[in-house]
Amino acid sequence: MIIVPIKENETIDKALKKFKKKFEKTGVIKQLRARQAFEKPSVSRRTEIKKAVYRTQLQAQFQA
């Protein structure tokens, strides 16, 4: 359960913005989208490897 403390004279817009930020950090939406369609473990492993390769290439590019 997400609790957003609201200060005195704080607008609803600011409180809503804080709530949205906290909600996004929990990763609920990301998890929900991932569970909408089943992905085989081999496919998910392959995508993770591709992401790792991409990250290492970026790091090597900035270090050079």
PDB file of N, CA and C in Angstrom:
ATOM      1  N   MET A   1       0.846  -1.172   0.000  1.00  0.00           N
ATOM      2  CA  MET A   1       0.000   0.000   0.000  1.00  0.00           C
ATOM      3  C   MET A   1       0.893   1.237   0.000  1.00  0.00           C
ATOM      4  N   ILE A   2       0.613   2.138  -0.913  1.00  0.00           N
ATOM      5  CA  ILE A   2       1.407   3.353  -1.045  1.00  0.00           C
ATOM      6  C   ILE A   2       0.764   4.466  -0.232  1.00  0.00           C
ATOM      7  N   ILE A   3       1.559   5.077   0.628  1.00  0.00           N
ATOM      8  CA  ILE A   3       1.077   6.183   1.444  1.00  0.00           C
ATOM      9  C   ILE A   3       1.851   7.432   1.053  1.00  0.00           C
ATOM     10  N   VAL A   4       1.112   8.491   0.733  1.00  0.00           N
ATOM     11  CA  VAL A   4       1.732   9.751   0.347  1.00  0.00           C
ATOM     12  C   VAL A   4       1.355  10.800   1.388  1.00  0.00           C
ATOM     13  N   PRO A   5       2.323  11.192   2.203  1.00  0.00           N
ATOM     14  CA  PRO A   5       2.015  12.241   3.191  1.00  0.00           C
ATOM     15  C   PRO A   5       1.844  13.597   2.493  1.00  0.00           C
ATOM     16  N   ILE A   6       0.786  14.299   2.854  1.00  0.00           N
ATOM     17  CA  ILE A   6       0.505  15.598   2.254  1.00  0.00           C
ATOM     18  C   ILE A   6       0.727  16.680   3.301  1.00  0.00           C
ATOM     19  N   LYS A   7       1.507  17.683   2.901  1.00  0.00           N
ATOM     20  CA  LYS A   7       1.776  18.800   3.805  1.00  0.00           C
ATOM     21  C   LYS A   7       0.619  19.795   3.741  1.00  0.00           C
ATOM     22  N   GLU A   8       0.610  20.710   4.699  1.00  0.00           N
ATOM     23  CA  GLU A   8      -0.418  21.748   4.691  1.00  0.00           C
ATOM     24  C   GLU A   8      -0.250  22.638   3.479  1.00  0.00           C
ATOM     25  N   ASN A   9      -1.347  23.064   2.915  1.00  0.00           N
ATOM     26  CA  ASN A   9      -1.390  23.955   1.756  1.00  0.00           C
ATOM     27  C   ASN A   9      -0.722  23.353   0.520  1.00  0.00           C
ATOM     28  N   GLU A  10      -0.645  22.032   0.450  1.00  0.00           N
ATOM     29  CA  GLU A  10      -0.077  21.380  -0.725  1.00  0.00           C
ATOM     30  C   GLU A  10      -1.210  21.049  -1.694  1.00  0.00           C
ATOM     31  N   THR A  11      -0.984  21.304  -2.972  1.00  0.00           N
ATOM     32  CA  THR A  11      -2.045  21.082  -3.952  1.00  0.00           C
ATOM     33  C   THR A  11      -2.208  19.588  -4.236  1.00  0.00           C
ATOM     34  N   ILE A  12      -3.368  19.266  -4.757  1.00  0.00           N
ATOM     35  CA  ILE A  12      -3.678  17.889  -5.120  1.00  0.00           C
ATOM     36  C   ILE A  12      -2.755  17.428  -6.255  1.00  0.00           C
ATOM     37  N   ASP A  13      -2.414  18.349  -7.148  1.00  0.00           N
ATOM     38  CA  ASP A  13      -1.548  17.998  -8.269  1.00  0.00           C
ATOM     39  C   ASP A  13      -0.186  17.505  -7.796  1.00  0.00           C
ATOM     40  N   LYS A  14       0.383  18.188  -6.798  1.00  0.00           N
ATOM     41  CA  LYS A  14       1.680  17.776  -6.271  1.00  0.00           C
ATOM     42  C   LYS A  14       1.579  16.403  -5.604  1.00  0.00           C
ATOM     43  N   ALA A  15       0.510  16.212  -4.852  1.00  0.00           N
ATOM     44  CA  ALA A  15       0.319  14.932  -4.165  1.00  0.00           C
ATOM     45  C   ALA A  15       0.145  13.802  -5.187  1.00  0.00           C
ATOM     46  N   LEU A  16      -0.584  14.076  -6.248  1.00  0.00           N
ATOM     47  CA  LEU A  16      -0.785  13.079  -7.292  1.00  0.00           C
ATOM     48  C   LEU A  16       0.532  12.755  -7.993  1.00  0.00           C
ATOM     49  N   LYS A  17       1.350  13.775  -8.207  1.00  0.00           N
ATOM     50  CA  LYS A  17       2.653  13.578  -8.828  1.00  0.00           C
ATOM     51  C   LYS A  17       3.541  12.686  -7.949  1.00  0.00           C
ATOM     52  N   LYS A  18       3.527  12.929  -6.636  1.00  0.00           N
ATOM     53  CA  LYS A  18       4.295  12.106  -5.704  1.00  0.00           C
ATOM     54  C   LYS A  18       3.816  10.653  -5.739  1.00  0.00           C
ATOM     55  N   PHE A  19       2.481  10.490  -5.767  1.00  0.00           N
ATOM     56  CA  PHE A  19       1.902   9.154  -5.807  1.00  0.00           C
ATOM     57  C   PHE A  19       2.326   8.410  -7.067  1.00  0.00           C
ATOM     58  N   LYS A  20       2.239   9.089  -8.200  1.00  0.00           N
ATOM     59  CA  LYS A  20       2.607   8.454  -9.467  1.00  0.00           C
ATOM     60  C   LYS A  20       4.068   8.029  -9.466  1.00  0.00           C
ATOM     61  N   LYS A  21       4.940   8.866  -8.910  1.00  0.00           N
ATOM     62  CA  LYS A  21       6.367   8.551  -8.862  1.00  0.00           C
ATOM     63  C   LYS A  21       6.612   7.317  -7.991  1.00  0.00           C
ATOM     64  N   LYS A  22       5.957   7.277  -6.815  1.00  0.00           N
ATOM     65  CA  LYS A  22       6.122   6.122  -5.927  1.00  0.00           C
ATOM     66  C   LYS A  22       5.563   4.857  -6.566  1.00  0.00           C
ATOM     67  N   PHE A  23       4.424   5.004  -7.248  1.00  0.00           N
ATOM     68  CA  PHE A  23       3.783   3.861  -7.892  1.00  0.00           C
ATOM     69  C   PHE A  23       4.665   3.312  -9.005  1.00  0.00           C
ATOM     70  N   GLU A  24       5.298   4.193  -9.758  1.00  0.00           N
ATOM     71  CA  GLU A  24       6.175   3.755 -10.836  1.00  0.00           C
ATOM     72  C   GLU A  24       7.406   3.033 -10.299  1.00  0.00           C
ATOM     73  N   LYS A  25       7.918   3.480  -9.147  1.00  0.00           N
ATOM     74  CA  LYS A  25       9.088   2.846  -8.548  1.00  0.00           C
ATOM     75  C   LYS A  25       8.797   1.428  -8.073  1.00  0.00           C
ATOM     76  N   THR A  26       7.547   1.132  -7.738  1.00  0.00           N
ATOM     77  CA  THR A  26       7.209  -0.209  -7.275  1.00  0.00           C
ATOM     78  C   THR A  26       7.310  -1.235  -8.396  1.00  0.00           C
ATOM     79  N   GLY A  27       7.128  -0.805  -9.654  1.00  0.00           N
ATOM     80  CA  GLY A  27       7.254  -1.709 -10.792  1.00  0.00           C
ATOM     81  C   GLY A  27       6.031  -2.556 -11.051  1.00  0.00           C
ATOM     82  N   VAL A  28       4.875  -2.145 -10.563  1.00  0.00           N
ATOM     83  CA  VAL A  28       3.648  -2.930 -10.729  1.00  0.00           C
ATOM     84  C   VAL A  28       3.231  -2.971 -12.195  1.00  0.00           C
ATOM     85  N   ILE A  29       3.265  -1.845 -12.868  1.00  0.00           N
ATOM     86  CA  ILE A  29       2.840  -1.778 -14.263  1.00  0.00           C
ATOM     87  C   ILE A  29       3.773  -2.607 -15.147  1.00  0.00           C
ATOM     88  N   LYS A  30       5.058  -2.516 -14.889  1.00  0.00           N
ATOM     89  CA  LYS A  30       6.044  -3.284 -15.667  1.00  0.00           C
ATOM     90  C   LYS A  30       5.792  -4.777 -15.514  1.00  0.00           C
ATOM     91  N   GLN A  31       5.512  -5.195 -14.290  1.00  0.00           N
ATOM     92  CA  GLN A  31       5.254  -6.609 -14.012  1.00  0.00           C
ATOM     93  C   GLN A  31       3.943  -7.055 -14.675  1.00  0.00           C
ATOM     94  N   LEU A  32       2.945  -6.196 -14.643  1.00  0.00           N
ATOM     95  CA  LEU A  32       1.650  -6.518 -15.246  1.00  0.00           C
ATOM     96  C   LEU A  32       1.797  -6.713 -16.749  1.00  0.00           C
ATOM     97  N   ARG A  33       2.535  -5.831 -17.392  1.00  0.00           N
ATOM     98  CA  ARG A  33       2.743  -5.951 -18.844  1.00  0.00           C
ATOM     99  C   ARG A  33       3.539  -7.208 -19.181  1.00  0.00           C
ATOM    100  N   ALA A  34       4.474  -7.558 -18.337  1.00  0.00           N
ATOM    101  CA  ALA A  34       5.275  -8.754 -18.589  1.00  0.00           C
ATOM    102  C   ALA A  34       4.428 -10.019 -18.460  1.00  0.00           C
ATOM    103  N   ARG A  35       3.437  -9.993 -17.603  1.00  0.00           N
ATOM    104  CA  ARG A  35       2.607 -11.181 -17.373  1.00  0.00           C
ATOM    105  C   ARG A  35       1.439 -11.302 -18.350  1.00  0.00           C
ATOM    106  N   GLN A  36       1.223 -10.303 -19.192  1.00  0.00           N
ATOM    107  CA  GLN A  36       0.098 -10.361 -20.121  1.00  0.00           C
ATOM    108  C   GLN A  36       0.270 -11.481 -21.138  1.00  0.00           C
ATOM    109  N   ALA A  37       1.497 -11.714 -21.560  1.00  0.00           N
ATOM    110  CA  ALA A  37       1.757 -12.774 -22.527  1.00  0.00           C
ATOM    111  C   ALA A  37       2.917 -13.622 -22.013  1.00  0.00           C
ATOM    112  N   PHE A  38       2.788 -14.918 -22.158  1.00  0.00           N
ATOM    113  CA  PHE A  38       3.837 -15.822 -21.690  1.00  0.00           C
ATOM    114  C   PHE A  38       5.036 -15.744 -22.612  1.00  0.00           C
ATOM    115  N   GLU A  39       6.195 -15.694 -22.020  1.00  0.00           N
ATOM    116  CA  GLU A  39       7.437 -15.697 -22.785  1.00  0.00           C
ATOM    117  C   GLU A  39       8.266 -16.897 -22.335  1.00  0.00           C
ATOM    118  N   LYS A  40       8.706 -17.674 -23.298  1.00  0.00           N
ATOM    119  CA  LYS A  40       9.481 -18.852 -22.960  1.00  0.00           C
ATOM    120  C   LYS A  40      10.777 -18.445 -22.269  1.00  0.00           C
ATOM    121  N   PRO A  41      11.253 -19.273 -21.336  1.00  0.00           N
ATOM    122  CA  PRO A  41      12.493 -18.943 -20.627  1.00  0.00           C
ATOM    123  C   PRO A  41      13.684 -18.749 -21.557  1.00  0.00           C
ATOM    124  N   SER A  42      13.736 -19.515 -22.643  1.00  0.00           N
ATOM    125  CA  SER A  42      14.853 -19.369 -23.579  1.00  0.00           C
ATOM    126  C   SER A  42      14.819 -18.001 -24.264  1.00  0.00           C
ATOM    127  N   VAL A  43      13.630 -17.514 -24.557  1.00  0.00           N
ATOM    128  CA  VAL A  43      13.494 -16.209 -25.207  1.00  0.00           C
ATOM    129  C   VAL A  43      13.872 -15.098 -24.233  1.00  0.00           C
ATOM    130  N   SER A  44      13.428 -15.220 -23.001  1.00  0.00           N
ATOM    131  CA  SER A  44      13.758 -14.188 -22.017  1.00  0.00           C
ATOM    132  C   SER A  44      15.260 -14.169 -21.731  1.00  0.00           C
ATOM    133  N   ARG A  45      15.880 -15.345 -21.692  1.00  0.00           N
ATOM    134  CA  ARG A  45      17.325 -15.433 -21.494  1.00  0.00           C
ATOM    135  C   ARG A  45      18.061 -14.763 -22.648  1.00  0.00           C
ATOM    136  N   ARG A  46      17.587 -15.011 -23.864  1.00  0.00           N
ATOM    137  CA  ARG A  46      18.211 -14.432 -25.052  1.00  0.00           C
ATOM    138  C   ARG A  46      18.131 -12.904 -25.022  1.00  0.00           C
ATOM    139  N   THR A  47      16.982 -12.361 -24.628  1.00  0.00           N
ATOM    140  CA  THR A  47      16.844 -10.898 -24.566  1.00  0.00           C
ATOM    141  C   THR A  47      17.745 -10.311 -23.476  1.00  0.00           C
ATOM    142  N   GLU A  48      17.863 -11.013 -22.349  1.00  0.00           N
ATOM    143  CA  GLU A  48      18.754 -10.538 -21.287  1.00  0.00           C
ATOM    144  C   GLU A  48      20.206 -10.507 -21.757  1.00  0.00           C
ATOM    145  N   ILE A  49      20.609 -11.530 -22.513  1.00  0.00           N
ATOM    146  CA  ILE A  49      21.977 -11.574 -23.035  1.00  0.00           C
ATOM    147  C   ILE A  49      22.207 -10.434 -24.022  1.00  0.00           C
ATOM    148  N   LYS A  50      21.214 -10.170 -24.876  1.00  0.00           N
ATOM    149  CA  LYS A  50      21.334  -9.064 -25.835  1.00  0.00           C
ATOM    150  C   LYS A  50      21.469  -7.723 -25.118  1.00  0.00           C
ATOM    151  N   LYS A  51      20.696  -7.542 -24.060  1.00  0.00           N
ATOM    152  CA  LYS A  51      20.780  -6.301 -23.293  1.00  0.00           C
ATOM    153  C   LYS A  51      22.145  -6.157 -22.636  1.00  0.00           C
ATOM    154  N   ALA A  52      22.663  -7.261 -22.111  1.00  0.00           N
ATOM    155  CA  ALA A  52      23.969  -7.228 -21.455  1.00  0.00           C
ATOM    156  C   ALA A  52      25.062  -6.884 -22.456  1.00  0.00           C
ATOM    157  N   VAL A  53      24.996  -7.460 -23.649  1.00  0.00           N
ATOM    158  CA  VAL A  53      25.985  -7.173 -24.681  1.00  0.00           C
ATOM    159  C   VAL A  53      25.921  -5.702 -25.064  1.00  0.00           C
ATOM    160  N   TYR A  54      24.718  -5.189 -25.208  1.00  0.00           N
ATOM    161  CA  TYR A  54      24.534  -3.780 -25.557  1.00  0.00           C
ATOM    162  C   TYR A  54      25.139  -2.870 -24.486  1.00  0.00           C
ATOM    163  N   ARG A  55      24.875  -3.198 -23.223  1.00  0.00           N
ATOM    164  CA  ARG A  55      25.416  -2.393 -22.124  1.00  0.00           C
ATOM    165  C   ARG A  55      26.935  -2.409 -22.104  1.00  0.00           C
ATOM    166  N   THR A  56      27.528  -3.583 -22.312  1.00  0.00           N
ATOM    167  CA  THR A  56      28.991  -3.663 -22.305  1.00  0.00           C
ATOM    168  C   THR A  56      29.593  -2.902 -23.480  1.00  0.00           C
ATOM    169  N   GLN A  57      28.910  -2.919 -24.625  1.00  0.00           N
ATOM    170  CA  GLN A  57      29.399  -2.146 -25.770  1.00  0.00           C
ATOM    171  C   GLN A  57      29.348  -0.652 -25.471  1.00  0.00           C
ATOM    172  N   LEU A  58      28.296  -0.208 -24.824  1.00  0.00           N
ATOM    173  CA  LEU A  58      28.191   1.209 -24.453  1.00  0.00           C
ATOM    174  C   LEU A  58      29.292   1.593 -23.476  1.00  0.00           C
ATOM    175  N   GLN A  59      29.527   0.753 -22.481  1.00  0.00           N
ATOM    176  CA  GLN A  59      30.577   1.040 -21.507  1.00  0.00           C
ATOM    177  C   GLN A  59      31.940   1.084 -22.161  1.00  0.00           C
ATOM    178  N   ALA A  60      32.205   0.171 -23.074  1.00  0.00           N
ATOM    179  CA  ALA A  60      33.486   0.140 -23.766  1.00  0.00           C
ATOM    180  C   ALA A  60      33.653   1.374 -24.650  1.00  0.00           C
ATOM    181  N   GLN A  61      32.543   1.836 -25.201  1.00  0.00           N
ATOM    182  CA  GLN A  61      32.574   3.009 -26.063  1.00  0.00           C
ATOM    183  C   GLN A  61      32.925   4.262 -25.269  1.00  0.00           C
ATOM    184  N   PHE A  62      32.380   4.402 -24.080  1.00  0.00           N
ATOM    185  CA  PHE A  62      32.636   5.590 -23.263  1.00  0.00           C
ATOM    186  C   PHE A  62      34.009   5.541 -22.602  1.00  0.00           C
ATOM    187  N   GLN A  63      34.539   4.359 -22.354  1.00  0.00           N
ATOM    188  CA  GLN A  63      35.850   4.236 -21.722  1.00  0.00           C
ATOM    189  C   GLN A  63      36.966   4.477 -22.722  1.00  0.00           C
ATOM    190  N   ALA A  64      36.720   4.209 -23.972  1.00  0.00           N
ATOM    191  CA  ALA A  64      37.770   4.374 -24.990  1.00  0.00           C
ATOM    192  C   ALA A  64      37.995   5.823 -25.366  1.00  0.00           C
TER     193      ALA A  64
END
